[in-house]
Amino acid sequence: MAAVVRDYEFPEKLGFLFEEGWRFKVAYGGRDGGKSWSIARALILMAAEKPLRIGCFREIQKSIDDSVYKLLKDQIYSLGLGDFYDVQQKVIRGQNGSEFVFSGLSKETRDSIKSFEGIDIAWIEEAHSISEISWDILEPTIRKKGSEIWLSFNPSLEDDYVYKLFVVNPPVDAKVVKVNWSDNPWRSEALDSARKRMKEQDPEKYMHVYEGFCVPAVEGAIYYKEVSALRSSGRLGNVPYDPMLKVHVACDLGFNDYMSLILFQRLTSEIRVIRYIEDRQRYIPSYSQELYDLKLNFGTLWLPHDGKAKHLTGASAQEQFTKLGWSVQIVPNVDVETGIRKAREVFPRVAIDQTNAGELLNRLGRYRRRVNADGQGSTPVHDDESHGADGFRYLALIADQVSNDKAAFKKVIRYPSLGVV
């Protein structure tokens, strides 16, 4: 059966949610624009009119409390549809067969995501945090004829995957609308007072929070000031390779976690990051070959202290790279906080190539501390961002030790037998 649904008002800019013919519907912008509220309301009404299977996703969902479940539940009762919908602990079902399901994409695989085939509408909340890997898993799963993907978010960094995909260069089958507080006729009076205070006291933060502009780094990032200064001073741009200077490589080791390699050159005191490589589940000969194929004037390859530890193959990373022809050194073993202080000292001397190493700056701009129960930052979070940040710490620790004088790099051997594949 279908519920009787009358006309309800929505912010004018969000009327496109009811338009047909769009594969992607994207609402982005600042706080109090009514994006999430309107999307939840629209989906509840649409699913009451006809049977729909709706998937509600975000990048990380540790429990149902992390999802839009409560927002949908509130809309059900606000619209007087409590008798029509059965609000269960982890799913919401309508009497006409409509269903709302919830998941965090970071835990999904290409196999597990198949359970969401048949979705009519996928809503991704806080879509700015969606990784390319998660998108590549979800997007082809939503394949039902006439199916749609809705995204709502407040932009974070200009290089966030979803921002580039839908705001910078939107596909032809996407309707993309920026919605701010000024577009919401029912905006909160309390928030409006807070908005005015922030505009006066912290105009830079205001432009992001309420006007929906990107930030140079995420709020609370360990290197927020340093990344902001690097961007604003024009040190992110075209940083060409100079064949007269040695290219040194600072590595953070990983296999299941990311392995990061920062390729940089030093001219007097200036540090030029010309390329950044990161990947996972690859063995050392593969990275060595990738570096070799660049045909650069290599100097020293620097490994963290655990580079001396024996690998499952029986050889340490230091031994493997050395057998592959690299001149290998170990970065001094200092504590993380000392390394962070050194990185801050080095930042003003660093220039980063936007095309080949811009992702490193994104990693640094998201590197943050774990917040304890008192709201205070403690140890840095170990996540996807931390591996590039660790590599940058190692670079900072040895930046003044690298040299352009000696030919430290030997001829690289292509895929020698090291007992690894």
Protein backbone atom coordinates (compact mmCIF):
# COMPACT_ATOMS: atom_id res chain seq x y z
CA MET A 1 0.00 0.00 0.00
CA ALA A 2 1.06 3.61 -0.44
CA ALA A 3 0.69 6.33 2.12
CA VAL A 4 -1.17 9.49 1.20
CA VAL A 5 1.50 12.14 0.91
CA ARG A 6 0.57 15.79 0.58
CA ASP A 7 2.73 18.60 -0.78
CA TYR A 8 5.48 19.76 1.55
CA GLU A 9 7.75 22.77 1.25
CA PHE A 10 11.47 22.51 0.61
CA PRO A 11 14.21 25.10 0.12
CA GLU A 12 13.89 26.21 -3.50
CA LYS A 13 17.42 25.15 -4.42
CA LEU A 14 16.69 21.60 -3.28
CA GLY A 15 13.65 21.15 -5.49
CA PHE A 16 15.89 19.27 -7.94
CA LEU A 17 15.71 16.26 -5.62
CA PHE A 18 12.33 15.49 -7.18
CA GLU A 19 13.49 15.96 -10.78
CA GLU A 20 13.84 12.94 -13.03
CA GLY A 21 16.65 12.18 -15.45
CA TRP A 22 19.67 12.71 -13.19
CA ARG A 23 21.91 9.78 -12.30
CA PHE A 24 23.66 11.88 -9.64
CA LYS A 25 22.07 14.51 -7.39
CA VAL A 26 24.61 16.49 -5.39
CA ALA A 27 23.89 19.06 -2.68
CA TYR A 28 26.95 20.66 -1.14
CA GLY A 29 27.65 23.79 0.85
CA GLY A 30 27.91 25.18 4.37
CA ARG A 31 26.15 24.65 7.67
CA ASP A 32 22.42 25.26 8.16
CA GLY A 33 21.57 25.03 4.47
CA GLY A 34 19.05 22.28 5.18
CA LYS A 35 20.73 19.72 2.92
CA SER A 36 20.56 16.62 5.07
CA TRP A 37 17.20 17.56 6.59
CA SER A 38 15.66 18.05 3.14
CA ILE A 39 17.14 14.88 1.66
CA ALA A 40 15.89 12.78 4.57
CA ARG A 41 12.44 14.36 4.25
CA ALA A 42 12.33 13.86 0.48
CA LEU A 43 13.35 10.20 0.72
CA ILE A 44 10.79 9.44 3.43
CA LEU A 45 8.04 11.00 1.30
CA MET A 46 9.15 9.32 -1.94
CA ALA A 47 9.44 5.89 -0.29
CA ALA A 48 5.94 6.31 1.14
CA GLU A 49 4.48 6.99 -2.31
CA LYS A 50 6.01 3.94 -3.99
CA PRO A 51 8.20 0.98 -2.97
CA LEU A 52 11.86 2.01 -2.96
CA ARG A 53 14.99 0.36 -1.62
CA ILE A 54 17.22 3.13 -0.28
CA GLY A 55 20.81 2.67 0.86
CA CYS A 56 22.22 5.21 3.30
CA PHE A 57 26.01 5.27 3.23
CA ARG A 58 28.98 7.12 4.64
CA GLU A 59 32.68 6.35 4.63
CA ILE A 60 32.88 5.13 8.23
CA GLN A 61 29.96 3.77 10.23
CA LYS A 62 30.97 1.98 13.41
CA SER A 63 27.37 1.76 14.61
CA ILE A 64 23.88 2.79 13.51
CA ASP A 65 24.36 5.93 15.63
CA ASP A 66 26.95 7.12 13.08
CA SER A 67 24.39 7.02 10.26
CA VAL A 68 21.44 9.17 9.16
CA TYR A 69 19.12 6.69 10.91
CA LYS A 70 18.02 9.17 13.60
CA LEU A 71 17.48 11.94 11.06
CA LEU A 72 15.20 9.68 9.02
CA LYS A 73 13.41 8.52 12.14
CA ASP A 74 12.77 12.12 13.21
CA GLN A 75 11.38 12.95 9.78
CA ILE A 76 9.02 9.98 9.89
CA TYR A 77 7.38 11.24 13.07
CA SER A 78 7.52 14.87 11.98
CA LEU A 79 5.58 13.94 8.83
CA GLY A 80 3.05 11.88 10.76
CA LEU A 81 4.12 8.63 9.13
CA GLY A 82 4.82 6.68 12.31
CA ASP A 83 2.06 4.18 11.55
CA PHE A 84 3.30 3.62 8.00
CA TYR A 85 6.97 2.96 8.78
CA ASP A 86 8.34 0.21 10.99
CA VAL A 87 11.47 1.72 12.55
CA GLN A 88 13.63 -1.21 13.63
CA GLN A 89 17.06 -1.12 15.25
CA LYS A 90 19.09 -1.36 12.03
CA VAL A 91 16.56 -0.98 9.23
CA ILE A 92 13.46 1.04 8.43
CA ARG A 93 10.63 -0.56 6.46
CA GLY A 94 7.44 0.83 4.97
CA GLN A 95 4.13 -0.99 4.65
CA ASN A 96 4.44 -0.81 0.85
CA GLY A 97 7.74 -2.71 0.83
CA SER A 98 10.05 0.31 0.95
CA GLU A 99 13.26 -0.25 2.87
CA PHE A 100 16.10 1.90 4.24
CA VAL A 101 19.42 0.13 4.89
CA PHE A 102 22.68 1.53 6.30
CA SER A 103 26.39 0.84 5.86
CA GLY A 104 29.89 2.29 6.17
CA LEU A 105 31.71 1.97 2.85
CA SER A 106 35.20 1.64 4.31
CA LYS A 107 34.38 -1.88 5.52
CA GLU A 108 32.74 -3.03 2.29
CA THR A 109 34.45 -5.13 -0.38
CA ARG A 110 33.48 -5.84 -3.96
CA ASP A 111 31.89 -9.05 -2.71
CA SER A 112 30.08 -7.74 0.36
CA ILE A 113 28.70 -4.69 -1.47
CA LYS A 114 26.72 -7.02 -3.74
CA SER A 115 24.10 -7.27 -1.00
CA PHE A 116 23.11 -3.72 -1.96
CA GLU A 117 22.33 -4.54 -5.58
CA GLY A 118 18.78 -3.53 -6.38
CA ILE A 119 19.09 -0.18 -4.59
CA ASP A 120 16.86 2.51 -6.13
CA ILE A 121 18.53 5.46 -4.43
CA ALA A 122 21.89 5.51 -2.64
CA TRP A 123 22.36 8.49 -0.31
CA ILE A 124 25.93 9.26 0.70
CA GLU A 125 26.09 11.66 3.64
CA GLU A 126 29.32 13.52 4.49
CA ALA A 127 30.42 12.53 1.00
CA HIS A 128 33.54 14.72 1.14
CA SER A 129 35.26 11.92 3.10
CA ILE A 130 34.51 9.17 0.57
CA SER A 131 37.71 7.63 -0.78
CA GLU A 132 38.27 6.72 -4.40
CA ILE A 133 38.42 3.06 -3.38
CA SER A 134 35.01 3.25 -1.70
CA TRP A 135 33.51 5.07 -4.68
CA ASP A 136 34.87 2.48 -7.11
CA ILE A 137 33.21 -0.23 -5.02
CA LEU A 138 29.83 1.46 -4.59
CA GLU A 139 29.14 3.25 -7.90
CA PRO A 140 28.99 0.18 -10.18
CA THR A 141 26.83 -1.63 -7.61
CA ILE A 142 24.03 0.92 -7.98
CA ARG A 143 23.09 -0.35 -11.44
CA LYS A 144 19.33 -0.86 -11.37
CA LYS A 145 17.54 0.84 -14.24
CA GLY A 146 16.64 4.39 -13.20
CA SER A 147 18.69 4.18 -10.00
CA GLU A 148 20.20 7.35 -8.54
CA ILE A 149 23.06 8.33 -6.25
CA TRP A 150 22.55 11.33 -3.97
CA LEU A 151 25.47 13.03 -2.25
CA SER A 152 25.45 15.68 0.49
CA PHE A 153 28.50 17.29 2.03
CA ASN A 154 30.31 20.37 3.23
CA PRO A 155 33.51 20.62 1.14
CA SER A 156 36.77 19.97 2.91
CA LEU A 157 39.85 20.01 0.65
CA GLU A 158 39.90 20.97 -3.03
CA ASP A 159 41.61 17.68 -3.82
CA ASP A 160 39.04 15.49 -2.08
CA TYR A 161 37.95 12.81 -4.53
CA VAL A 162 34.22 13.59 -4.52
CA TYR A 163 34.81 17.35 -4.74
CA LYS A 164 36.95 16.92 -7.85
CA LEU A 165 34.51 14.40 -9.33
CA PHE A 166 31.33 16.45 -8.96
CA VAL A 167 32.21 20.10 -8.28
CA VAL A 168 35.41 20.72 -10.23
CA ASN A 169 34.45 18.65 -13.27
CA PRO A 170 30.86 17.34 -12.92
CA PRO A 171 29.61 14.60 -15.25
CA VAL A 172 26.82 15.45 -17.70
CA ASP A 173 24.32 13.26 -15.86
CA ALA A 174 24.84 15.06 -12.53
CA LYS A 175 22.80 17.88 -11.03
CA VAL A 176 25.13 19.73 -8.66
CA VAL A 177 23.80 22.54 -6.45
CA LYS A 178 25.54 24.60 -3.78
CA VAL A 179 23.21 25.27 -0.84
CA ASN A 180 24.12 27.60 2.04
CA TRP A 181 22.38 29.10 5.08
CA SER A 182 21.09 31.96 2.93
CA ASP A 183 19.13 29.45 0.81
CA ASN A 184 17.27 27.98 3.79
CA PRO A 185 14.17 30.00 4.75
CA TRP A 186 13.78 27.86 7.90
CA ARG A 187 17.35 28.26 9.16
CA SER A 188 17.93 28.14 12.89
CA GLU A 189 17.86 31.46 14.77
CA ALA A 190 20.36 30.06 17.28
CA LEU A 191 22.75 29.01 14.53
CA ASP A 192 22.30 32.33 12.80
CA SER A 193 23.56 34.09 15.91
CA ALA A 194 26.54 31.70 16.04
CA ARG A 195 27.16 32.30 12.34
CA LYS A 196 27.38 36.06 12.84
CA ARG A 197 29.82 35.65 15.75
CA MET A 198 32.05 33.34 13.73
CA LYS A 199 32.01 35.73 10.77
CA GLU A 200 33.30 38.49 13.03
CA GLN A 201 35.73 36.48 15.15
CA ASP A 202 37.10 33.93 12.67
CA PRO A 203 36.30 34.95 9.06
CA GLU A 204 38.52 32.24 7.54
CA LYS A 205 36.71 29.48 9.41
CA TYR A 206 33.37 31.14 8.66
CA MET A 207 33.95 30.91 4.90
CA HIS A 208 34.31 27.15 5.21
CA VAL A 209 31.70 26.35 7.86
CA TYR A 210 28.87 28.57 6.61
CA GLU A 211 29.72 29.55 3.05
CA GLY A 212 30.86 26.11 1.94
CA PHE A 213 34.34 26.95 0.67
CA CYS A 214 37.21 24.47 0.85
CA VAL A 215 39.89 24.72 3.52
CA PRO A 216 43.68 24.40 3.07
CA ALA A 217 43.71 21.58 5.64
CA VAL A 218 41.13 19.85 7.80
CA GLU A 219 40.26 21.48 11.10
CA GLY A 220 42.47 20.17 13.87
CA ALA A 221 45.17 18.94 11.49
CA ILE A 222 48.60 18.75 13.11
CA TYR A 223 50.13 20.75 10.25
CA TYR A 224 47.15 23.04 9.61
CA LYS A 225 49.14 26.30 9.78
CA GLU A 226 52.07 24.89 7.83
CA VAL A 227 49.91 23.45 5.04
CA SER A 228 47.90 26.69 4.87
CA ALA A 229 51.08 28.74 4.58
CA LEU A 230 52.51 26.46 1.90
CA ARG A 231 49.37 26.78 -0.22
CA SER A 232 48.95 30.53 0.25
CA SER A 233 52.59 31.29 -0.52
CA GLY A 234 52.45 29.58 -3.91
CA ARG A 235 54.78 26.74 -2.96
CA LEU A 236 52.31 24.19 -4.31
CA GLY A 237 52.56 24.29 -8.07
CA ASN A 238 54.98 23.38 -10.83
CA VAL A 239 58.15 22.04 -9.20
CA PRO A 240 60.18 20.57 -12.07
CA TYR A 241 62.83 17.89 -11.82
CA ASP A 242 66.37 19.27 -12.08
CA PRO A 243 68.68 16.62 -13.60
CA MET A 244 71.70 18.37 -12.08
CA LEU A 245 70.47 17.59 -8.56
CA LYS A 246 70.24 14.22 -6.86
CA VAL A 247 66.79 12.79 -6.23
CA HIS A 248 66.54 11.33 -2.73
CA VAL A 249 63.72 9.08 -1.53
CA ALA A 250 62.19 9.14 1.97
CA CYS A 251 60.13 5.99 2.64
CA ASP A 252 57.56 4.83 5.13
CA LEU A 253 57.26 1.07 4.93
CA GLY A 254 53.99 -0.82 4.65
CA PHE A 255 52.25 -3.73 3.00
CA ASN A 256 48.66 -4.03 4.23
CA ASP A 257 48.98 -0.40 5.24
CA TYR A 258 50.16 2.14 2.70
CA MET A 259 53.81 2.36 1.77
CA SER A 260 54.84 5.90 0.91
CA LEU A 261 57.82 7.17 -1.07
CA ILE A 262 58.64 10.89 -1.23
CA LEU A 263 61.02 11.88 -4.02
CA PHE A 264 62.76 15.18 -3.31
CA GLN A 265 65.69 17.33 -4.33
CA ARG A 266 67.64 19.85 -2.30
CA LEU A 267 69.05 23.13 -3.64
CA THR A 268 70.95 24.97 -0.88
CA SER A 269 68.26 25.11 1.84
CA GLU A 270 65.22 24.59 -0.42
CA ILE A 271 63.52 21.19 -0.39
CA ARG A 272 61.69 20.35 -3.63
CA VAL A 273 59.22 17.47 -3.51
CA ILE A 274 58.89 16.40 -7.14
CA ARG A 275 56.90 13.16 -6.81
CA TYR A 276 54.92 11.14 -4.29
CA ILE A 277 54.15 7.43 -4.56
CA GLU A 278 51.90 5.43 -2.25
CA ASP A 279 50.34 2.03 -2.59
CA ARG A 280 49.75 -1.15 -0.64
CA GLN A 281 50.09 -4.92 -0.96
CA ARG A 282 53.14 -4.62 -3.18
CA TYR A 283 56.61 -5.98 -2.57
CA ILE A 284 59.81 -3.97 -2.57
CA PRO A 285 61.07 -5.05 -6.04
CA SER A 286 57.87 -3.60 -7.52
CA TYR A 287 58.53 -0.17 -5.97
CA SER A 288 62.16 -0.35 -6.99
CA GLN A 289 61.16 -1.00 -10.59
CA GLU A 290 58.70 1.90 -10.56
CA LEU A 291 61.44 4.23 -9.35
CA TYR A 292 63.92 2.87 -11.86
CA ASP A 293 61.49 3.45 -14.73
CA LEU A 294 61.42 7.17 -13.89
CA LYS A 295 65.08 7.37 -15.02
CA LEU A 296 66.04 10.07 -12.54
CA ASN A 297 69.41 11.06 -11.09
CA PHE A 298 68.95 9.20 -7.82
CA GLY A 299 70.92 9.73 -4.65
CA THR A 300 70.10 8.01 -1.35
CA LEU A 301 67.03 6.01 -0.36
CA TRP A 302 66.14 6.60 3.30
CA LEU A 303 64.27 4.02 5.38
CA PRO A 304 62.78 4.28 8.88
CA HIS A 305 64.38 2.46 11.77
CA ASP A 306 62.26 -0.67 11.19
CA GLY A 307 63.83 -0.95 7.75
CA LYS A 308 66.51 -3.05 9.44
CA ALA A 309 63.99 -5.59 10.74
CA LYS A 310 63.80 -8.96 9.02
CA HIS A 311 60.82 -9.40 6.67
CA LEU A 312 58.77 -12.58 6.35
CA THR A 313 60.89 -13.34 3.29
CA GLY A 314 63.96 -13.47 5.51
CA ALA A 315 65.47 -10.21 4.26
CA SER A 316 64.99 -6.75 5.75
CA ALA A 317 63.79 -3.85 3.63
CA GLN A 318 67.30 -2.41 3.88
CA GLU A 319 68.82 -5.63 2.57
CA GLN A 320 66.29 -5.91 -0.25
CA PHE A 321 66.77 -2.36 -1.50
CA THR A 322 70.54 -2.70 -1.22
CA LYS A 323 70.52 -5.88 -3.33
CA LEU A 324 68.43 -4.00 -5.87
CA GLY A 325 71.26 -1.50 -6.29
CA TRP A 326 70.16 1.32 -4.02
CA SER A 327 72.34 3.31 -1.67
CA VAL A 328 70.35 2.92 1.55
CA GLN A 329 70.52 4.87 4.79
CA ILE A 330 68.45 4.60 7.97
CA VAL A 331 66.68 7.67 9.35
CA PRO A 332 67.62 8.53 12.95
CA ASN A 333 65.29 6.81 15.39
CA VAL A 334 63.59 9.65 17.28
CA ASP A 335 60.17 9.85 18.90
CA VAL A 336 57.17 11.04 16.87
CA GLU A 337 56.81 14.40 18.63
CA THR A 338 60.44 15.28 17.95
CA GLY A 339 59.87 14.38 14.32
CA ILE A 340 56.74 16.56 14.15
CA ARG A 341 58.65 19.54 15.55
CA LYS A 342 61.39 18.99 12.98
CA ALA A 343 58.79 18.77 10.19
CA ARG A 344 57.35 22.12 11.28
CA GLU A 345 60.83 23.65 11.09
CA VAL A 346 61.37 22.32 7.58
CA PHE A 347 57.94 23.23 6.14
CA PRO A 348 58.83 26.86 5.23
CA ARG A 349 61.62 25.54 2.99
CA VAL A 350 59.45 23.03 1.13
CA ALA A 351 57.90 23.34 -2.34
CA ILE A 352 55.64 20.57 -3.68
CA ASP A 353 54.78 19.71 -7.27
CA GLN A 354 51.00 19.81 -7.50
CA THR A 355 50.63 17.31 -10.34
CA ASN A 356 52.98 14.58 -9.17
CA ALA A 357 53.05 15.10 -5.40
CA GLY A 358 49.89 17.04 -4.50
CA GLU A 359 48.43 14.00 -2.75
CA LEU A 360 51.20 14.23 -0.16
CA LEU A 361 50.00 17.70 0.86
CA ASN A 362 46.46 16.32 1.12
CA ARG A 363 47.75 13.63 3.48
CA LEU A 364 49.59 16.21 5.56
CA GLY A 365 46.49 18.38 5.62
CA ARG A 366 44.45 15.54 7.13
CA TYR A 367 47.03 14.26 9.61
CA ARG A 368 45.50 14.80 13.05
CA ARG A 369 45.61 13.76 16.67
CA ARG A 370 43.32 11.38 18.47
CA VAL A 371 40.94 13.38 20.66
CA ASN A 372 40.42 12.07 24.20
CA ALA A 373 37.32 12.25 26.38
CA ASP A 374 38.28 15.76 27.57
CA GLY A 375 38.39 17.03 24.01
CA GLN A 376 42.17 17.32 24.04
CA GLY A 377 44.44 15.99 21.32
CA SER A 378 46.82 13.19 22.21
CA THR A 379 48.80 10.85 19.97
CA PRO A 380 48.53 11.16 16.17
CA VAL A 381 45.89 8.97 14.56
CA HIS A 382 47.24 5.97 12.67
CA ASP A 383 45.17 5.88 9.47
CA ASP A 384 45.59 6.26 5.71
CA GLU A 385 46.84 9.83 6.14
CA SER A 386 49.58 8.95 8.61
CA HIS A 387 51.86 7.06 6.22
CA GLY A 388 52.57 10.05 4.02
CA ALA A 389 52.95 12.16 7.15
CA ASP A 390 55.41 9.64 8.58
CA GLY A 391 57.42 9.75 5.36
CA PHE A 392 57.49 13.55 5.56
CA ARG A 393 58.78 13.37 9.15
CA TYR A 394 61.62 11.17 7.96
CA LEU A 395 62.36 13.61 5.14
CA ALA A 396 62.53 16.46 7.66
CA LEU A 397 64.94 14.55 9.88
CA ILE A 398 67.46 13.97 7.10
CA ALA A 399 66.83 16.98 4.83
CA ASP A 400 70.08 18.68 5.83
CA GLN A 401 72.13 15.49 5.48
CA VAL A 402 71.45 14.78 1.80
CA SER A 403 74.07 15.71 -0.75
CA ASN A 404 74.28 16.40 -4.47
CA ASP A 405 77.98 15.61 -4.61
CA LYS A 406 78.56 11.90 -4.68
CA ALA A 407 77.05 9.41 -7.10
CA ALA A 408 75.41 7.31 -4.43
CA PHE A 409 73.00 5.55 -6.76
CA LYS A 410 74.13 2.33 -8.38
CA LYS A 411 72.70 0.62 -11.42
CA VAL A 412 69.36 -0.89 -10.50
CA ILE A 413 68.91 -4.54 -11.19
CA ARG A 414 65.57 -5.42 -12.76
CA TYR A 415 63.62 -7.92 -10.66
CA PRO A 416 66.48 -10.01 -9.27
CA SER A 417 65.71 -13.20 -7.37
CA LEU A 418 65.34 -12.20 -3.72
CA GLY A 419 62.92 -14.85 -2.66
CA VAL A 420 60.02 -12.43 -2.99
CA VAL A 421 57.35 -11.91 -5.64
